[in-house]
Amino acid sequence: MKLFKKWKARWEGYCKCCGKCCYEKEYLPGGILITDYSKPCRFLNEDTKKCNVYVNRFNACKECRKITLWTALFSPALPPDCGYVENVRNKIRPRFKQGHWLSF
């Protein structure tokens, strides 16, 4: 259990709290994903970039999705400057291209 808590704290620490994942997204024809920064989640405090219901966000907001390793690696919804992208996608993906296995 200690290891899980340590890993979870490290994982949560990747988030830069920018709030960019808390805006409406829409796919355009051709599979292009756009983020509408004029339409924030109703629970996002745009001044602090913090979620007002963070602890219960998955129950309070049906659009809120957990950022998993899979999401961090492959989701087009996360911007390039997202902490998860910088710490996971940009570090782990090159290993796959080189034929290496994941190591934590």
N, C-alpha and C. Protein backbone atom coordinates (compact mmCIF):
# COMPACT_ATOMS: atom_id res chain seq x y z
N MET A 1 0.82 -1.19 0.00
CA MET A 1 0.00 0.00 0.00
C MET A 1 0.87 1.26 0.00
N LYS A 2 1.98 1.22 0.72
CA LYS A 2 2.87 2.38 0.75
C LYS A 2 3.40 2.70 -0.64
N LEU A 3 3.74 1.64 -1.37
CA LEU A 3 4.28 1.83 -2.72
C LEU A 3 3.24 2.49 -3.62
N PHE A 4 1.97 2.05 -3.51
CA PHE A 4 0.91 2.63 -4.32
C PHE A 4 0.74 4.11 -3.99
N LYS A 5 0.72 4.45 -2.72
CA LYS A 5 0.56 5.85 -2.32
C LYS A 5 1.72 6.70 -2.82
N LYS A 6 2.91 6.14 -2.77
CA LYS A 6 4.09 6.86 -3.26
C LYS A 6 3.99 7.07 -4.77
N TRP A 7 3.59 6.02 -5.49
CA TRP A 7 3.44 6.13 -6.94
C TRP A 7 2.35 7.13 -7.29
N LYS A 8 1.21 7.07 -6.57
CA LYS A 8 0.10 7.98 -6.84
C LYS A 8 0.51 9.43 -6.61
N ALA A 9 1.25 9.68 -5.54
CA ALA A 9 1.71 11.05 -5.26
C ALA A 9 2.65 11.52 -6.36
N ARG A 10 3.52 10.64 -6.82
CA ARG A 10 4.44 11.00 -7.91
C ARG A 10 3.64 11.29 -9.19
N TRP A 11 2.68 10.43 -9.49
CA TRP A 11 1.86 10.61 -10.69
C TRP A 11 1.11 11.93 -10.64
N GLU A 12 0.45 12.22 -9.53
CA GLU A 12 -0.29 13.48 -9.37
C GLU A 12 0.65 14.68 -9.46
N GLY A 13 1.88 14.49 -9.04
CA GLY A 13 2.87 15.56 -9.08
C GLY A 13 3.26 15.98 -10.49
N TYR A 14 2.99 15.14 -11.47
CA TYR A 14 3.29 15.50 -12.86
C TYR A 14 2.39 16.62 -13.36
N CYS A 15 1.19 16.72 -12.79
CA CYS A 15 0.24 17.75 -13.21
C CYS A 15 0.78 19.13 -12.88
N LYS A 16 0.72 20.03 -13.86
CA LYS A 16 1.18 21.41 -13.66
C LYS A 16 0.05 22.32 -13.19
N CYS A 17 -1.14 21.76 -13.05
CA CYS A 17 -2.33 22.53 -12.63
C CYS A 17 -2.59 23.72 -13.56
N CYS A 18 -2.45 23.48 -14.85
CA CYS A 18 -2.68 24.55 -15.83
C CYS A 18 -4.16 24.68 -16.19
N GLY A 19 -4.94 23.61 -15.96
CA GLY A 19 -6.37 23.64 -16.27
C GLY A 19 -6.71 23.41 -17.73
N LYS A 20 -5.72 23.21 -18.59
CA LYS A 20 -6.00 23.07 -20.02
C LYS A 20 -6.83 21.83 -20.35
N CYS A 21 -6.78 20.82 -19.51
CA CYS A 21 -7.57 19.62 -19.76
C CYS A 21 -9.03 19.81 -19.33
N CYS A 22 -9.35 20.96 -18.74
CA CYS A 22 -10.68 21.22 -18.19
C CYS A 22 -11.53 22.12 -19.09
N TYR A 23 -11.28 22.09 -20.37
CA TYR A 23 -12.06 22.87 -21.33
C TYR A 23 -12.72 21.92 -22.32
N GLU A 24 -13.82 22.36 -22.91
CA GLU A 24 -14.54 21.52 -23.87
C GLU A 24 -13.67 21.21 -25.07
N LYS A 25 -13.81 19.98 -25.54
CA LYS A 25 -13.07 19.53 -26.71
C LYS A 25 -14.06 19.00 -27.74
N GLU A 26 -13.67 19.12 -28.98
CA GLU A 26 -14.56 18.70 -30.06
C GLU A 26 -13.72 18.18 -31.22
N TYR A 27 -14.19 17.09 -31.82
CA TYR A 27 -13.52 16.56 -33.00
C TYR A 27 -14.13 17.19 -34.25
N LEU A 28 -13.28 17.66 -35.12
CA LEU A 28 -13.70 18.20 -36.41
C LEU A 28 -13.61 17.09 -37.44
N PRO A 29 -14.24 17.28 -38.60
CA PRO A 29 -14.09 16.29 -39.66
C PRO A 29 -12.60 16.04 -39.95
N GLY A 30 -12.28 14.80 -40.16
CA GLY A 30 -10.89 14.45 -40.40
C GLY A 30 -10.17 14.04 -39.12
N GLY A 31 -10.92 14.01 -38.01
CA GLY A 31 -10.35 13.56 -36.75
C GLY A 31 -9.50 14.58 -36.02
N ILE A 32 -9.62 15.85 -36.40
CA ILE A 32 -8.83 16.90 -35.75
C ILE A 32 -9.54 17.30 -34.46
N LEU A 33 -8.80 17.25 -33.36
CA LEU A 33 -9.35 17.62 -32.06
C LEU A 33 -9.01 19.07 -31.75
N ILE A 34 -10.03 19.83 -31.37
CA ILE A 34 -9.78 21.22 -30.96
C ILE A 34 -10.26 21.39 -29.52
N THR A 35 -9.59 22.26 -28.80
CA THR A 35 -9.98 22.61 -27.44
C THR A 35 -10.54 24.01 -27.48
N ASP A 36 -11.74 24.18 -26.95
CA ASP A 36 -12.39 25.49 -26.94
C ASP A 36 -12.11 26.16 -25.59
N TYR A 37 -11.10 27.03 -25.57
CA TYR A 37 -10.70 27.68 -24.33
C TYR A 37 -11.68 28.77 -23.88
N SER A 38 -12.76 28.96 -24.62
CA SER A 38 -13.80 29.89 -24.17
C SER A 38 -14.89 29.14 -23.39
N LYS A 39 -14.75 27.80 -23.29
CA LYS A 39 -15.76 26.99 -22.61
C LYS A 39 -15.11 26.09 -21.56
N PRO A 40 -14.85 26.66 -20.38
CA PRO A 40 -14.26 25.85 -19.31
C PRO A 40 -15.30 24.95 -18.65
N CYS A 41 -14.83 23.94 -17.98
CA CYS A 41 -15.70 23.11 -17.14
C CYS A 41 -16.33 24.02 -16.09
N ARG A 42 -17.55 23.76 -15.74
CA ARG A 42 -18.23 24.62 -14.77
C ARG A 42 -17.60 24.56 -13.39
N PHE A 43 -16.77 23.56 -13.14
CA PHE A 43 -16.12 23.43 -11.83
C PHE A 43 -14.71 24.02 -11.82
N LEU A 44 -14.23 24.50 -12.95
CA LEU A 44 -12.88 25.06 -13.01
C LEU A 44 -12.89 26.52 -12.57
N ASN A 45 -12.06 26.84 -11.61
CA ASN A 45 -11.85 28.23 -11.22
C ASN A 45 -10.77 28.75 -12.16
N GLU A 46 -11.15 29.59 -13.10
CA GLU A 46 -10.20 30.03 -14.12
C GLU A 46 -9.09 30.93 -13.57
N ASP A 47 -9.33 31.56 -12.45
CA ASP A 47 -8.29 32.40 -11.85
C ASP A 47 -7.17 31.56 -11.23
N THR A 48 -7.56 30.52 -10.50
CA THR A 48 -6.56 29.69 -9.82
C THR A 48 -6.16 28.47 -10.64
N LYS A 49 -6.93 28.16 -11.69
CA LYS A 49 -6.75 26.96 -12.51
C LYS A 49 -6.97 25.68 -11.71
N LYS A 50 -7.73 25.78 -10.64
CA LYS A 50 -8.01 24.64 -9.77
C LYS A 50 -9.46 24.21 -9.92
N CYS A 51 -9.67 22.91 -9.75
CA CYS A 51 -11.02 22.35 -9.78
C CYS A 51 -11.68 22.57 -8.42
N ASN A 52 -12.90 23.10 -8.45
CA ASN A 52 -13.63 23.36 -7.21
C ASN A 52 -14.15 22.09 -6.53
N VAL A 53 -14.17 20.98 -7.27
CA VAL A 53 -14.66 19.71 -6.72
C VAL A 53 -13.63 18.60 -6.94
N TYR A 54 -12.36 18.95 -6.84
CA TYR A 54 -11.28 18.04 -7.23
C TYR A 54 -11.41 16.64 -6.62
N VAL A 55 -11.65 16.56 -5.34
CA VAL A 55 -11.72 15.25 -4.67
C VAL A 55 -12.84 14.39 -5.24
N ASN A 56 -13.95 15.00 -5.61
CA ASN A 56 -15.11 14.27 -6.15
C ASN A 56 -15.34 14.54 -7.63
N ARG A 57 -14.33 14.97 -8.35
CA ARG A 57 -14.49 15.41 -9.73
C ARG A 57 -15.08 14.35 -10.66
N PHE A 58 -14.73 13.09 -10.46
CA PHE A 58 -15.23 12.05 -11.36
C PHE A 58 -16.72 11.77 -11.15
N ASN A 59 -17.22 12.03 -9.96
CA ASN A 59 -18.65 11.88 -9.69
C ASN A 59 -19.42 13.15 -10.06
N ALA A 60 -18.80 14.29 -9.89
CA ALA A 60 -19.47 15.57 -10.12
C ALA A 60 -19.54 15.95 -11.60
N CYS A 61 -18.58 15.53 -12.38
CA CYS A 61 -18.49 15.96 -13.78
C CYS A 61 -18.34 14.76 -14.70
N LYS A 62 -19.34 14.53 -15.53
CA LYS A 62 -19.30 13.37 -16.42
C LYS A 62 -18.23 13.49 -17.51
N GLU A 63 -17.78 14.69 -17.80
CA GLU A 63 -16.74 14.88 -18.81
C GLU A 63 -15.33 14.68 -18.26
N CYS A 64 -15.19 14.71 -16.95
CA CYS A 64 -13.87 14.60 -16.33
C CYS A 64 -13.36 13.17 -16.46
N ARG A 65 -12.16 13.04 -16.97
CA ARG A 65 -11.55 11.73 -17.17
C ARG A 65 -10.24 11.65 -16.39
N LYS A 66 -10.00 10.48 -15.85
CA LYS A 66 -8.75 10.25 -15.13
C LYS A 66 -7.60 10.20 -16.13
N ILE A 67 -6.51 10.85 -15.79
CA ILE A 67 -5.33 10.81 -16.65
C ILE A 67 -4.55 9.55 -16.27
N THR A 68 -4.58 8.58 -17.15
CA THR A 68 -3.89 7.32 -16.93
C THR A 68 -2.60 7.30 -17.75
N LEU A 69 -1.81 6.28 -17.56
CA LEU A 69 -0.60 6.13 -18.36
C LEU A 69 -0.97 6.08 -19.85
N TRP A 70 -2.02 5.35 -20.18
CA TRP A 70 -2.47 5.25 -21.57
C TRP A 70 -2.85 6.63 -22.12
N THR A 71 -3.61 7.40 -21.33
CA THR A 71 -4.01 8.74 -21.74
C THR A 71 -2.79 9.62 -21.97
N ALA A 72 -1.87 9.58 -21.03
CA ALA A 72 -0.67 10.41 -21.13
C ALA A 72 0.15 10.05 -22.36
N LEU A 73 0.17 8.78 -22.72
CA LEU A 73 0.95 8.35 -23.88
C LEU A 73 0.27 8.67 -25.21
N PHE A 74 -1.05 8.54 -25.28
CA PHE A 74 -1.69 8.55 -26.59
C PHE A 74 -2.81 9.57 -26.82
N SER A 75 -3.35 10.19 -25.79
CA SER A 75 -4.50 11.07 -25.99
C SER A 75 -4.12 12.38 -26.67
N PRO A 76 -4.82 12.72 -27.76
CA PRO A 76 -4.58 14.01 -28.40
C PRO A 76 -5.18 15.17 -27.61
N ALA A 77 -5.96 14.85 -26.57
CA ALA A 77 -6.62 15.90 -25.78
C ALA A 77 -5.67 16.63 -24.84
N LEU A 78 -4.50 16.05 -24.59
CA LEU A 78 -3.54 16.71 -23.71
C LEU A 78 -2.56 17.53 -24.53
N PRO A 79 -2.35 18.79 -24.15
CA PRO A 79 -1.43 19.64 -24.91
C PRO A 79 0.03 19.22 -24.70
N PRO A 80 0.90 19.59 -25.62
CA PRO A 80 2.32 19.21 -25.53
C PRO A 80 3.01 19.70 -24.25
N ASP A 81 2.53 20.80 -23.67
CA ASP A 81 3.17 21.31 -22.46
C ASP A 81 2.53 20.77 -21.18
N CYS A 82 1.64 19.79 -21.31
CA CYS A 82 1.04 19.13 -20.15
C CYS A 82 2.13 18.38 -19.38
N GLY A 83 2.09 18.45 -18.07
CA GLY A 83 3.09 17.77 -17.25
C GLY A 83 3.12 16.27 -17.46
N TYR A 84 1.95 15.67 -17.70
CA TYR A 84 1.90 14.23 -17.95
C TYR A 84 2.58 13.91 -19.28
N VAL A 85 2.32 14.72 -20.28
CA VAL A 85 2.93 14.51 -21.59
C VAL A 85 4.45 14.66 -21.49
N GLU A 86 4.90 15.71 -20.84
CA GLU A 86 6.34 15.95 -20.72
C GLU A 86 7.04 14.85 -19.94
N ASN A 87 6.40 14.34 -18.90
CA ASN A 87 7.05 13.35 -18.06
C ASN A 87 6.82 11.91 -18.49
N VAL A 88 5.84 11.67 -19.33
CA VAL A 88 5.55 10.31 -19.75
C VAL A 88 5.76 10.13 -21.25
N ARG A 89 4.99 10.84 -22.04
CA ARG A 89 5.04 10.65 -23.48
C ARG A 89 6.43 10.94 -24.03
N ASN A 90 7.00 12.02 -23.62
CA ASN A 90 8.30 12.42 -24.17
C ASN A 90 9.46 11.59 -23.64
N LYS A 91 9.24 10.85 -22.56
CA LYS A 91 10.31 10.02 -22.00
C LYS A 91 10.14 8.55 -22.30
N ILE A 92 8.89 8.06 -22.32
CA ILE A 92 8.65 6.64 -22.52
C ILE A 92 8.52 6.28 -23.99
N ARG A 93 7.83 7.07 -24.76
CA ARG A 93 7.63 6.75 -26.18
C ARG A 93 8.93 6.52 -26.93
N PRO A 94 9.95 7.34 -26.74
CA PRO A 94 11.19 7.08 -27.47
C PRO A 94 11.78 5.70 -27.16
N ARG A 95 11.57 5.18 -25.96
CA ARG A 95 12.06 3.85 -25.62
C ARG A 95 11.37 2.78 -26.45
N PHE A 96 10.06 2.95 -26.69
CA PHE A 96 9.35 1.98 -27.52
C PHE A 96 9.91 1.99 -28.93
N LYS A 97 10.20 3.16 -29.44
CA LYS A 97 10.74 3.26 -30.79
C LYS A 97 12.10 2.59 -30.90
N GLN A 98 12.85 2.61 -29.79
CA GLN A 98 14.18 2.00 -29.79
C GLN A 98 14.12 0.51 -29.45
N GLY A 99 12.92 0.00 -29.11
CA GLY A 99 12.77 -1.41 -28.80
C GLY A 99 13.02 -1.75 -27.34
N HIS A 100 13.01 -0.77 -26.46
CA HIS A 100 13.22 -1.03 -25.04
C HIS A 100 11.89 -1.25 -24.34
N TRP A 101 11.93 -1.91 -23.21
CA TRP A 101 10.75 -2.13 -22.39
C TRP A 101 10.58 -0.99 -21.42
N LEU A 102 9.37 -0.86 -20.90
CA LEU A 102 9.09 0.14 -19.86
C LEU A 102 9.85 -0.21 -18.60
N SER A 103 10.35 0.79 -17.94
CA SER A 103 10.97 0.57 -16.63
C SER A 103 10.56 1.70 -15.71
N PHE A 104 10.16 1.35 -14.51
CA PHE A 104 9.74 2.35 -13.53
C PHE A 104 10.65 2.28 -12.35
